[in-house]
Amino acid sequence: MMIIGIVAVCVVLAVLAFFVPRLSRHPERGTQRTLGVGSRVGGKAPGILGRLFSKPFRSSSKAVGSSGSAGRRARSRFPF
């Protein structure tokens, strides 16, 4: 369920970054901030469990950042 949500957020951010690149930064940062909180909370588990619990949030944060930058990069290649 979380995977579907992250994919949906990435798609929405990529489309938003393509059409309104300047306005897409705020939702992207908010999403990354929320995922960072989850990563920090998951990392408080003891030992290897902390790394296992925080990893999905870290990789999701990277995916959100790359989808936003991909949308802005695609926009910059268009002539308008």
N, C-alpha and C. Protein backbone atom coordinates (compact mmCIF):
# COMPACT_ATOMS: atom_id res chain seq x y z
N MET A 1 0.82 -1.19 0.00
CA MET A 1 0.00 0.00 0.00
C MET A 1 0.87 1.26 0.00
N MET A 2 1.95 1.22 0.77
CA MET A 2 2.83 2.38 0.83
C MET A 2 3.53 2.59 -0.51
N ILE A 3 3.84 1.50 -1.19
CA ILE A 3 4.51 1.61 -2.49
C ILE A 3 3.62 2.32 -3.49
N ILE A 4 2.34 1.99 -3.49
CA ILE A 4 1.40 2.63 -4.42
C ILE A 4 1.29 4.12 -4.10
N GLY A 5 1.28 4.46 -2.82
CA GLY A 5 1.21 5.86 -2.42
C GLY A 5 2.44 6.65 -2.85
N ILE A 6 3.61 6.07 -2.69
CA ILE A 6 4.85 6.75 -3.08
C ILE A 6 4.91 6.92 -4.59
N VAL A 7 4.48 5.89 -5.33
CA VAL A 7 4.46 6.00 -6.79
C VAL A 7 3.51 7.10 -7.23
N ALA A 8 2.35 7.18 -6.59
CA ALA A 8 1.39 8.22 -6.92
C ALA A 8 1.95 9.61 -6.62
N VAL A 9 2.60 9.76 -5.49
CA VAL A 9 3.20 11.05 -5.13
C VAL A 9 4.29 11.43 -6.13
N CYS A 10 5.10 10.46 -6.53
CA CYS A 10 6.17 10.73 -7.50
C CYS A 10 5.60 11.17 -8.84
N VAL A 11 4.54 10.52 -9.28
CA VAL A 11 3.92 10.89 -10.56
C VAL A 11 3.33 12.29 -10.47
N VAL A 12 2.64 12.58 -9.39
CA VAL A 12 2.04 13.91 -9.23
C VAL A 12 3.12 14.98 -9.18
N LEU A 13 4.20 14.72 -8.46
CA LEU A 13 5.28 15.71 -8.38
C LEU A 13 5.98 15.90 -9.72
N ALA A 14 6.15 14.83 -10.49
CA ALA A 14 6.79 14.96 -11.79
C ALA A 14 5.92 15.79 -12.74
N VAL A 15 4.62 15.55 -12.72
CA VAL A 15 3.72 16.33 -13.57
C VAL A 15 3.68 17.78 -13.11
N LEU A 16 3.61 17.99 -11.81
CA LEU A 16 3.61 19.35 -11.28
C LEU A 16 4.91 20.07 -11.62
N ALA A 17 6.03 19.36 -11.52
CA ALA A 17 7.33 19.97 -11.83
C ALA A 17 7.44 20.29 -13.32
N PHE A 18 6.77 19.52 -14.14
CA PHE A 18 6.81 19.79 -15.57
C PHE A 18 6.01 21.04 -15.93
N PHE A 19 4.82 21.17 -15.34
CA PHE A 19 3.95 22.28 -15.72
C PHE A 19 4.25 23.57 -14.96
N VAL A 20 4.55 23.48 -13.69
CA VAL A 20 4.88 24.68 -12.89
C VAL A 20 6.13 24.39 -12.05
N PRO A 21 7.32 24.53 -12.66
CA PRO A 21 8.55 24.12 -11.97
C PRO A 21 8.82 24.86 -10.67
N ARG A 22 8.53 26.13 -10.62
CA ARG A 22 8.82 26.89 -9.39
C ARG A 22 7.90 26.51 -8.25
N LEU A 23 6.65 26.23 -8.58
CA LEU A 23 5.69 25.90 -7.53
C LEU A 23 5.80 24.45 -7.08
N SER A 24 6.59 23.65 -7.77
CA SER A 24 6.69 22.23 -7.39
C SER A 24 7.69 22.01 -6.26
N ARG A 25 8.52 22.97 -5.98
CA ARG A 25 9.55 22.78 -4.96
C ARG A 25 8.95 22.66 -3.55
N HIS A 26 7.92 23.42 -3.26
CA HIS A 26 7.35 23.39 -1.92
C HIS A 26 6.70 22.03 -1.60
N PRO A 27 5.86 21.48 -2.49
CA PRO A 27 5.33 20.14 -2.19
C PRO A 27 6.41 19.06 -2.14
N GLU A 28 7.44 19.21 -2.95
CA GLU A 28 8.53 18.23 -2.94
C GLU A 28 9.26 18.27 -1.60
N ARG A 29 9.55 19.45 -1.11
CA ARG A 29 10.24 19.57 0.18
C ARG A 29 9.37 19.09 1.33
N GLY A 30 8.07 19.38 1.25
CA GLY A 30 7.16 18.91 2.29
C GLY A 30 7.08 17.39 2.34
N THR A 31 7.06 16.77 1.17
CA THR A 31 7.02 15.32 1.11
C THR A 31 8.32 14.73 1.64
N GLN A 32 9.45 15.33 1.25
CA GLN A 32 10.72 14.83 1.75
C GLN A 32 10.86 15.04 3.25
N ARG A 33 10.30 16.12 3.77
CA ARG A 33 10.35 16.36 5.21
C ARG A 33 9.53 15.30 5.96
N THR A 34 8.36 14.96 5.42
CA THR A 34 7.51 13.95 6.04
C THR A 34 8.19 12.58 6.01
N LEU A 35 8.80 12.25 4.88
CA LEU A 35 9.50 10.98 4.79
C LEU A 35 10.74 10.96 5.70
N GLY A 36 11.35 12.11 5.89
CA GLY A 36 12.50 12.19 6.80
C GLY A 36 12.10 11.92 8.24
N VAL A 37 10.92 12.38 8.62
CA VAL A 37 10.43 12.10 9.97
C VAL A 37 10.23 10.60 10.14
N GLY A 38 9.64 9.94 9.14
CA GLY A 38 9.46 8.50 9.21
C GLY A 38 10.78 7.76 9.29
N SER A 39 11.78 8.25 8.55
CA SER A 39 13.09 7.62 8.58
C SER A 39 13.74 7.78 9.94
N ARG A 40 13.61 8.95 10.53
CA ARG A 40 14.20 9.17 11.85
C ARG A 40 13.52 8.32 12.92
N VAL A 41 12.20 8.21 12.85
CA VAL A 41 11.48 7.41 13.83
C VAL A 41 11.82 5.93 13.65
N GLY A 42 11.88 5.47 12.40
CA GLY A 42 12.23 4.08 12.15
C GLY A 42 13.65 3.77 12.56
N GLY A 43 14.53 4.74 12.45
CA GLY A 43 15.92 4.54 12.82
C GLY A 43 16.16 4.43 14.31
N LYS A 44 15.16 4.75 15.11
CA LYS A 44 15.34 4.66 16.56
C LYS A 44 15.17 3.24 17.09
N ALA A 45 14.75 2.33 16.23
CA ALA A 45 14.66 0.94 16.65
C ALA A 45 16.07 0.41 16.89
N PRO A 46 16.22 -0.53 17.79
CA PRO A 46 17.57 -0.99 18.14
C PRO A 46 18.22 -1.85 17.05
N GLY A 47 19.50 -1.63 16.86
CA GLY A 47 20.32 -2.47 16.00
C GLY A 47 19.95 -2.44 14.53
N ILE A 48 19.97 -3.62 13.95
CA ILE A 48 19.72 -3.74 12.51
C ILE A 48 18.27 -3.42 12.17
N LEU A 49 17.37 -3.54 13.12
CA LEU A 49 15.97 -3.20 12.87
C LEU A 49 15.82 -1.72 12.53
N GLY A 50 16.63 -0.88 13.15
CA GLY A 50 16.58 0.55 12.86
C GLY A 50 16.90 0.84 11.42
N ARG A 51 17.92 0.18 10.89
CA ARG A 51 18.28 0.37 9.48
C ARG A 51 17.20 -0.18 8.57
N LEU A 52 16.63 -1.33 8.96
CA LEU A 52 15.58 -1.93 8.12
C LEU A 52 14.30 -1.09 8.10
N PHE A 53 13.95 -0.50 9.23
CA PHE A 53 12.74 0.29 9.31
C PHE A 53 12.88 1.65 8.63
N SER A 54 14.09 2.20 8.62
CA SER A 54 14.26 3.53 8.05
C SER A 54 14.57 3.49 6.55
N LYS A 55 14.99 2.35 6.03
CA LYS A 55 15.38 2.27 4.62
C LYS A 55 14.25 2.59 3.65
N PRO A 56 13.02 2.10 3.82
CA PRO A 56 11.97 2.45 2.87
C PRO A 56 11.70 3.96 2.80
N PHE A 57 11.83 4.63 3.92
CA PHE A 57 11.60 6.07 3.93
C PHE A 57 12.73 6.82 3.23
N ARG A 58 13.96 6.35 3.42
CA ARG A 58 15.09 7.00 2.74
C ARG A 58 15.02 6.81 1.24
N SER A 59 14.72 5.60 0.79
CA SER A 59 14.65 5.36 -0.65
C SER A 59 13.45 6.08 -1.26
N SER A 60 12.37 6.20 -0.53
CA SER A 60 11.21 6.95 -1.02
C SER A 60 11.52 8.43 -1.14
N SER A 61 12.28 8.95 -0.20
CA SER A 61 12.67 10.35 -0.27
C SER A 61 13.55 10.61 -1.49
N LYS A 62 14.46 9.67 -1.78
CA LYS A 62 15.29 9.81 -2.98
C LYS A 62 14.44 9.76 -4.24
N ALA A 63 13.44 8.90 -4.25
CA ALA A 63 12.57 8.78 -5.42
C ALA A 63 11.76 10.05 -5.64
N VAL A 64 11.28 10.65 -4.57
CA VAL A 64 10.52 11.89 -4.68
C VAL A 64 11.41 13.01 -5.23
N GLY A 65 12.63 13.10 -4.75
CA GLY A 65 13.55 14.12 -5.24
C GLY A 65 13.91 13.92 -6.70
N SER A 66 14.14 12.68 -7.09
CA SER A 66 14.52 12.44 -8.48
C SER A 66 13.35 12.64 -9.43
N SER A 67 12.13 12.34 -9.00
CA SER A 67 10.99 12.55 -9.89
C SER A 67 10.72 14.04 -10.09
N GLY A 68 10.88 14.82 -9.05
CA GLY A 68 10.71 16.27 -9.19
C GLY A 68 11.76 16.88 -10.09
N SER A 69 13.00 16.45 -9.90
CA SER A 69 14.06 17.00 -10.75
C SER A 69 13.94 16.52 -12.18
N ALA A 70 13.42 15.31 -12.39
CA ALA A 70 13.21 14.81 -13.75
C ALA A 70 12.14 15.62 -14.47
N GLY A 71 11.10 16.00 -13.77
CA GLY A 71 10.06 16.84 -14.37
C GLY A 71 10.59 18.21 -14.75
N ARG A 72 11.39 18.80 -13.88
CA ARG A 72 11.96 20.12 -14.20
C ARG A 72 12.97 20.01 -15.32
N ARG A 73 13.74 18.93 -15.35
CA ARG A 73 14.72 18.73 -16.41
C ARG A 73 14.03 18.53 -17.76
N ALA A 74 12.93 17.79 -17.78
CA ALA A 74 12.18 17.59 -19.02
C ALA A 74 11.57 18.91 -19.50
N ARG A 75 11.12 19.71 -18.56
CA ARG A 75 10.55 21.01 -18.92
C ARG A 75 11.60 21.91 -19.55
N SER A 76 12.82 21.85 -19.06
CA SER A 76 13.86 22.72 -19.58
C SER A 76 14.25 22.36 -21.01
N ARG A 77 13.99 21.13 -21.42
CA ARG A 77 14.32 20.71 -22.78
C ARG A 77 13.29 21.14 -23.80
N PHE A 78 12.10 21.51 -23.35
CA PHE A 78 11.06 21.93 -24.28
C PHE A 78 11.27 23.39 -24.68
N PRO A 79 10.85 23.75 -25.88
CA PRO A 79 11.14 25.11 -26.36
C PRO A 79 10.24 26.21 -25.79
N PHE A 80 9.24 25.87 -24.99
CA PHE A 80 8.35 26.92 -24.49
C PHE A 80 8.64 27.33 -23.09
